[in-house]
N, C-alpha and C. Protein backbone atom coordinates (compact mmCIF):
# COMPACT_ATOMS: atom_id res chain seq x y z
N MET A 1 73.67 118.57 87.76
CA MET A 1 74.84 117.64 87.99
C MET A 1 75.63 117.26 86.72
N GLN A 2 76.95 117.30 86.93
CA GLN A 2 77.30 116.81 85.34
C GLN A 2 78.28 115.93 86.03
N VAL A 3 78.11 114.85 85.03
CA VAL A 3 79.47 113.37 85.16
C VAL A 3 80.19 113.99 83.92
N ARG A 4 81.73 113.74 84.34
CA ARG A 4 82.55 114.21 83.10
C ARG A 4 83.92 113.60 83.76
N LYS A 5 84.81 113.22 82.69
CA LYS A 5 86.14 112.90 82.92
C LYS A 5 87.31 114.02 83.69
N ILE A 6 87.78 113.47 84.85
CA ILE A 6 88.53 114.50 85.78
C ILE A 6 89.63 115.27 84.62
N LYS A 7 89.82 116.37 84.71
CA LYS A 7 91.28 116.87 84.18
C LYS A 7 91.94 117.35 85.38
N ALA A 8 93.41 117.70 84.33
CA ALA A 8 94.49 118.39 85.55
C ALA A 8 94.04 119.35 86.13
N SER A 9 93.19 120.51 85.50
CA SER A 9 92.86 121.68 86.12
C SER A 9 92.04 121.32 87.54
N ASP A 10 91.34 120.13 87.40
CA ASP A 10 90.43 119.73 88.64
C ASP A 10 91.20 119.47 89.86
N ALA A 11 92.93 119.23 89.50
CA ALA A 11 93.53 118.66 90.90
C ALA A 11 93.41 119.17 92.21
N GLU A 12 93.33 120.33 92.41
CA GLU A 12 93.28 121.15 93.37
C GLU A 12 91.91 121.03 94.34
N SER A 13 90.74 121.05 93.23
CA SER A 13 89.55 120.68 94.13
C SER A 13 89.07 119.15 93.93
N TYR A 14 89.77 118.22 93.57
CA TYR A 14 89.83 117.18 93.71
C TYR A 14 90.34 116.73 95.25
N LEU A 15 91.57 117.10 95.38
CA LEU A 15 92.31 117.11 96.93
C LEU A 15 91.43 117.52 97.50
N LYS A 16 90.48 118.92 97.53
CA LYS A 16 89.90 119.14 98.48
C LYS A 16 88.64 118.44 98.62
N LEU A 17 88.09 117.58 97.84
CA LEU A 17 86.88 116.84 97.96
C LEU A 17 87.47 115.46 98.30
N CYS A 18 88.46 115.03 98.19
CA CYS A 18 88.93 114.04 98.99
C CYS A 18 88.97 114.24 100.36
N GLU A 19 89.63 115.14 100.73
CA GLU A 19 89.92 115.74 102.08
C GLU A 19 88.76 115.90 102.88
N THR A 20 87.73 116.12 102.41
CA THR A 20 86.18 116.41 102.83
C THR A 20 85.76 115.02 102.92
N ILE A 21 85.87 114.38 101.95
CA ILE A 21 84.99 113.03 102.10
C ILE A 21 85.51 111.97 103.30
N ASP A 22 87.06 112.19 103.32
CA ASP A 22 87.79 111.66 104.47
C ASP A 22 87.55 111.97 105.76
N GLU A 23 86.99 113.31 106.09
CA GLU A 23 86.49 113.76 107.38
C GLU A 23 85.46 113.36 107.44
N GLU A 24 84.18 113.12 106.52
CA GLU A 24 82.46 113.10 106.52
C GLU A 24 82.60 111.47 106.69
N SER A 25 83.39 110.53 106.25
CA SER A 25 83.23 109.11 106.18
C SER A 25 84.34 108.43 106.73
N GLU A 26 83.65 107.30 107.47
CA GLU A 26 84.72 106.23 108.24
C GLU A 26 84.96 105.26 107.41
N PHE A 27 84.40 105.41 106.09
CA PHE A 27 84.60 104.01 105.33
C PHE A 27 86.08 104.10 104.03
N MET A 28 86.47 105.40 104.32
CA MET A 28 87.67 105.70 103.21
C MET A 28 88.73 104.79 103.67
N LEU A 29 90.05 104.61 103.01
CA LEU A 29 90.95 104.40 103.58
C LEU A 29 92.15 105.26 104.24
N PHE A 30 91.82 106.53 104.30
CA PHE A 30 92.64 107.73 104.59
C PHE A 30 91.62 108.14 105.99
N GLU A 31 92.55 108.32 107.14
CA GLU A 31 91.99 108.67 108.09
C GLU A 31 91.87 110.77 107.95
N PRO A 32 90.93 111.11 108.47
CA PRO A 32 91.03 112.81 108.32
C PRO A 32 92.57 113.55 108.54
N GLY A 33 92.91 114.08 107.81
CA GLY A 33 94.41 114.67 107.86
C GLY A 33 95.47 113.88 107.21
N GLU A 34 94.98 112.65 106.77
CA GLU A 34 96.44 111.83 106.53
C GLU A 34 96.69 111.65 105.09
N ARG A 35 95.99 112.27 104.55
CA ARG A 35 96.21 112.42 103.06
C ARG A 35 96.86 113.59 102.81
N LYS A 36 98.24 113.44 102.38
CA LYS A 36 99.47 114.29 102.10
C LYS A 36 99.87 114.64 100.49
N LEU A 37 98.90 114.50 99.39
CA LEU A 37 99.12 114.65 98.58
C LEU A 37 98.98 116.13 98.03
N GLN A 38 99.92 116.48 97.10
CA GLN A 38 99.92 117.60 96.80
C GLN A 38 99.18 118.14 95.01
N ALA A 39 98.88 119.13 95.15
CA ALA A 39 98.55 119.74 94.00
C ALA A 39 99.28 119.00 92.47
N GLN A 40 99.90 119.53 92.63
CA GLN A 40 101.08 119.55 91.26
C GLN A 40 101.56 118.07 91.58
N ARG A 41 101.20 117.18 92.66
CA ARG A 41 101.68 115.66 92.08
C ARG A 41 100.41 114.89 91.77
N GLN A 42 99.32 115.57 91.98
CA GLN A 42 97.85 114.85 91.51
C GLN A 42 98.02 115.20 90.21
N ILE A 43 98.25 116.51 89.66
CA ILE A 43 98.06 116.74 88.38
C ILE A 43 98.73 115.76 87.47
N LYS A 44 100.52 115.44 88.18
CA LYS A 44 101.01 114.39 87.12
C LYS A 44 100.34 113.21 87.29
N GLN A 45 99.62 113.05 88.27
CA GLN A 45 98.75 111.29 88.50
C GLN A 45 97.88 111.32 87.28
N ILE A 46 97.04 112.39 87.42
CA ILE A 46 95.69 112.49 86.59
C ILE A 46 96.28 112.50 84.96
N GLU A 47 97.55 113.26 84.82
CA GLU A 47 97.88 113.52 83.09
C GLU A 47 98.72 112.11 82.90
N SER A 48 99.27 111.24 83.70
CA SER A 48 99.82 110.13 83.56
C SER A 48 98.88 108.96 83.30
N GLY A 49 97.80 109.13 83.57
CA GLY A 49 96.61 108.00 83.01
C GLY A 49 97.18 106.89 84.44
N MET A 50 97.81 107.15 85.73
CA MET A 50 97.96 106.60 86.95
C MET A 50 96.48 105.49 87.16
N CYS A 51 95.33 106.34 86.85
CA CYS A 51 93.98 105.51 86.73
C CYS A 51 93.69 105.74 85.44
N GLU A 52 93.18 104.57 85.03
CA GLU A 52 92.81 104.40 83.64
C GLU A 52 91.38 105.59 83.25
N VAL A 53 90.81 105.45 84.14
CA VAL A 53 89.28 106.19 84.00
C VAL A 53 89.34 106.90 85.51
N PHE A 54 89.29 108.01 85.22
CA PHE A 54 88.70 109.13 86.22
C PHE A 54 87.76 110.15 86.17
N VAL A 55 86.70 109.63 86.78
CA VAL A 55 85.56 110.89 86.50
C VAL A 55 85.22 111.30 87.63
N CYS A 56 84.49 112.37 87.40
CA CYS A 56 84.01 113.21 88.66
C CYS A 56 82.46 113.76 88.73
N ALA A 57 81.59 113.88 89.70
CA ALA A 57 80.60 114.63 89.34
C ALA A 57 80.62 116.02 89.75
N ALA A 58 80.22 116.91 89.31
CA ALA A 58 80.29 118.42 89.68
C ALA A 58 78.83 118.95 89.84
N ASP A 59 78.73 119.69 90.69
CA ASP A 59 77.46 120.54 91.03
C ASP A 59 77.72 121.97 90.81
N ASP A 60 77.22 122.80 90.00
CA ASP A 60 77.69 123.99 90.23
C ASP A 60 78.86 124.74 90.26
N GLY A 61 79.52 123.92 89.70
CA GLY A 61 81.33 123.76 89.48
C GLY A 61 82.14 123.43 90.59
N SER A 62 81.36 122.59 91.55
CA SER A 62 81.87 122.21 92.61
C SER A 62 81.83 120.40 92.70
N LEU A 63 82.97 120.29 92.88
CA LEU A 63 83.47 118.39 92.89
C LEU A 63 82.59 118.24 93.73
N ILE A 64 82.19 116.87 93.69
CA ILE A 64 81.03 116.30 94.77
C ILE A 64 81.02 114.79 94.88
N GLY A 65 81.90 114.06 93.76
CA GLY A 65 81.96 112.75 94.10
C GLY A 65 83.05 112.52 92.48
N TYR A 66 83.52 111.09 92.84
CA TYR A 66 84.21 110.80 91.58
C TYR A 66 84.05 109.45 91.79
N VAL A 67 84.85 108.36 90.64
CA VAL A 67 85.21 107.29 90.39
C VAL A 67 86.11 107.01 89.90
N ALA A 68 87.16 106.40 90.18
CA ALA A 68 88.26 105.95 89.57
C ALA A 68 88.71 104.49 89.39
N ALA A 69 88.98 103.95 88.70
CA ALA A 69 89.57 102.32 88.32
C ALA A 69 91.04 102.20 87.57
N ALA A 70 91.69 101.70 88.21
CA ALA A 70 92.97 101.23 88.11
C ALA A 70 93.08 99.95 87.47
N ARG A 71 93.59 99.85 86.27
CA ARG A 71 93.44 98.14 85.27
C ARG A 71 94.99 97.58 85.80
N GLY A 72 94.67 96.21 86.15
CA GLY A 72 95.92 95.44 86.31
C GLY A 72 96.81 95.52 85.35
N GLN A 73 98.16 95.49 85.74
CA GLN A 73 99.15 96.11 85.13
C GLN A 73 100.17 94.61 84.18
N VAL A 74 99.27 93.78 85.00
CA VAL A 74 100.56 92.31 84.35
C VAL A 74 99.19 91.71 83.46
N GLN A 75 99.89 90.98 82.21
CA GLN A 75 99.01 90.48 81.47
C GLN A 75 98.03 89.98 81.89
N ARG A 76 97.89 89.23 82.87
CA ARG A 76 97.21 88.12 83.50
C ARG A 76 95.90 89.00 84.26
N ALA A 77 96.20 90.00 84.39
CA ALA A 77 95.47 90.99 85.05
C ALA A 77 94.63 92.22 84.56
N ARG A 78 95.27 92.10 83.38
CA ARG A 78 94.48 93.35 82.05
C ARG A 78 92.87 93.24 81.87
N HIS A 79 92.24 92.10 82.51
CA HIS A 79 91.20 92.41 82.00
C HIS A 79 90.14 93.02 83.13
N ARG A 80 90.97 93.34 84.49
CA ARG A 80 89.86 93.71 85.84
C ARG A 80 90.57 94.99 85.57
N ALA A 81 89.76 95.34 87.02
CA ALA A 81 90.46 96.98 87.30
C ALA A 81 89.94 97.25 88.78
N HIS A 82 90.54 97.78 89.42
CA HIS A 82 90.25 97.99 90.84
C HIS A 82 89.53 99.38 90.96
N VAL A 83 88.55 99.49 91.75
CA VAL A 83 87.58 100.69 91.55
C VAL A 83 87.54 101.22 93.17
N VAL A 84 87.76 102.62 93.09
CA VAL A 84 87.57 103.52 94.18
C VAL A 84 86.37 104.49 93.93
N ILE A 85 85.55 104.59 94.94
CA ILE A 85 84.28 105.61 94.56
C ILE A 85 84.17 106.55 95.94
N GLY A 86 84.00 107.76 95.88
CA GLY A 86 83.83 108.41 97.19
C GLY A 86 82.92 109.61 96.50
N ILE A 87 81.82 109.93 97.45
CA ILE A 87 80.60 111.07 97.16
C ILE A 87 80.36 111.81 98.24
N ARG A 88 80.50 113.12 98.56
CA ARG A 88 80.12 113.93 99.35
C ARG A 88 78.95 113.40 100.37
N GLN A 89 79.18 112.99 101.75
CA GLN A 89 77.54 113.02 102.26
C GLN A 89 76.64 113.97 102.05
N ALA A 90 76.42 114.88 101.99
CA ALA A 90 75.34 115.58 101.41
C ALA A 90 74.59 115.25 100.12
N TYR A 91 75.22 114.34 99.50
CA TYR A 91 74.91 114.03 97.64
C TYR A 91 74.70 112.34 98.21
N ILE A 92 74.71 111.93 99.25
CA ILE A 92 74.50 110.11 99.00
C ILE A 92 73.25 110.26 98.99
N GLY A 93 72.55 109.22 98.06
CA GLY A 93 71.12 108.81 97.82
C GLY A 93 70.59 109.74 96.52
N GLN A 94 71.38 110.06 95.76
CA GLN A 94 70.52 110.83 94.76
C GLN A 94 71.00 110.90 93.53
N GLY A 95 71.55 109.48 93.30
CA GLY A 95 71.54 108.84 91.84
C GLY A 95 72.88 109.08 91.47
N ILE A 96 73.88 109.99 92.32
CA ILE A 96 75.00 110.22 91.76
C ILE A 96 75.67 108.97 91.76
N GLY A 97 76.24 108.03 92.57
CA GLY A 97 76.62 106.88 92.35
C GLY A 97 76.22 106.03 91.51
N VAL A 98 75.04 106.30 91.23
CA VAL A 98 74.63 104.91 89.84
C VAL A 98 74.85 105.77 88.44
N LYS A 99 75.27 107.23 88.38
CA LYS A 99 75.41 107.84 87.45
C LYS A 99 76.98 107.58 87.18
N LEU A 100 78.14 107.73 88.33
CA LEU A 100 79.47 107.47 88.14
C LEU A 100 79.39 105.98 87.72
N PHE A 101 78.61 105.05 88.42
CA PHE A 101 79.27 103.79 87.85
C PHE A 101 78.62 103.65 86.42
N GLN A 102 77.59 103.91 86.09
CA GLN A 102 76.96 104.04 84.43
C GLN A 102 78.30 104.68 83.88
N ALA A 103 79.01 105.54 83.83
CA ALA A 103 80.54 106.16 82.95
C ALA A 103 81.25 105.28 83.12
N LEU A 104 81.36 104.53 84.14
CA LEU A 104 82.55 103.51 84.68
C LEU A 104 82.23 102.05 83.92
N GLU A 105 80.82 101.85 83.64
CA GLU A 105 80.47 100.84 82.89
C GLU A 105 80.61 100.59 81.73
N LYS A 106 80.44 101.88 81.24
CA LYS A 106 80.60 102.25 79.77
C LYS A 106 82.08 102.20 79.37
N TRP A 107 82.97 102.97 80.18
CA TRP A 107 84.58 102.68 79.76
C TRP A 107 84.90 101.18 79.37
N ALA A 108 84.61 100.44 80.69
CA ALA A 108 84.75 99.26 81.03
C ALA A 108 84.64 98.22 79.87
N CYS A 109 83.42 98.51 79.28
CA CYS A 109 82.89 97.86 78.17
C CYS A 109 83.64 98.39 76.81
N GLU A 110 84.01 99.42 76.95
CA GLU A 110 85.19 99.83 75.46
C GLU A 110 86.20 99.25 75.68
N GLU A 111 86.70 99.15 76.88
CA GLU A 111 88.33 98.68 77.00
C GLU A 111 88.03 97.08 77.29
N LYS A 112 86.68 96.35 77.15
CA LYS A 112 86.77 94.90 77.34
C LYS A 112 86.98 94.42 78.61
N LEU A 113 86.41 94.91 79.51
CA LEU A 113 87.45 94.44 80.53
C LEU A 113 85.96 93.19 81.04
N HIS A 114 86.46 92.31 82.11
CA HIS A 114 85.50 91.21 82.45
C HIS A 114 85.25 91.48 83.92
N ARG A 115 86.05 92.24 84.48
CA ARG A 115 85.94 92.11 86.14
C ARG A 115 85.87 93.84 86.71
N LEU A 116 85.58 94.37 87.46
CA LEU A 116 85.64 95.39 88.12
C LEU A 116 85.60 94.88 89.47
N GLU A 117 86.50 95.20 90.67
CA GLU A 117 86.25 95.09 91.92
C GLU A 117 86.32 96.34 92.59
N LEU A 118 85.85 96.22 93.94
CA LEU A 118 85.15 97.15 94.30
C LEU A 118 85.28 96.69 95.93
N THR A 119 86.10 97.18 97.21
CA THR A 119 85.74 96.47 98.14
C THR A 119 84.89 97.00 99.11
N VAL A 120 84.05 97.06 99.78
CA VAL A 120 82.90 97.64 100.49
C VAL A 120 82.91 96.84 102.03
N MET A 121 83.10 97.95 102.99
CA MET A 121 82.64 97.25 104.31
C MET A 121 81.19 97.59 104.54
N THR A 122 80.82 95.76 105.32
CA THR A 122 79.25 95.45 105.16
C THR A 122 78.63 96.66 105.61
N HIS A 123 79.02 97.08 106.84
CA HIS A 123 78.05 98.15 107.65
C HIS A 123 77.95 99.62 106.74
N ASN A 124 78.57 99.43 105.57
CA ASN A 124 78.51 101.31 104.77
C ASN A 124 77.13 100.32 104.08
N THR A 125 75.83 100.54 104.43
CA THR A 125 74.55 100.41 103.92
C THR A 125 74.80 100.86 102.59
N ALA A 126 74.73 102.30 102.39
CA ALA A 126 74.68 102.87 101.58
C ALA A 126 75.38 102.64 100.19
N ALA A 127 76.49 102.36 100.37
CA ALA A 127 77.54 101.63 99.33
C ALA A 127 77.17 100.00 98.79
N VAL A 128 76.50 99.13 99.95
CA VAL A 128 76.23 98.11 99.49
C VAL A 128 75.09 98.28 98.73
N ARG A 129 73.95 99.39 98.92
CA ARG A 129 72.72 99.27 98.10
C ARG A 129 72.90 99.73 96.78
N LEU A 130 74.06 100.64 96.48
CA LEU A 130 74.42 101.18 95.22
C LEU A 130 75.02 99.69 94.40
């Protein structure tokens, strides 16, 4: 398994990953089939740095998880970032979330962030443990 920054060439695979996670999990923001983003628009978002850090986990070339963080845009919120994480159901409990969070923490320290924010549903026991 490899953890690395996402690339524009990953856009289509990333969208498929998100759609799969939306189908597999009741804990993500989007309902199954609700995500309407297209690959070209996703490429622009990756290249624009909309999320300042965007790390994915790949297994045999297939994306299996991701973590993204968007830093606050106003000066008073530049010290914090909002985090989103998603991992394919078949890979939960294998340490992938830990590795994604380690990459996120390294970035946050380099950027001198003081706060990372992640909202988790209390009945999502795997996420709460992570």
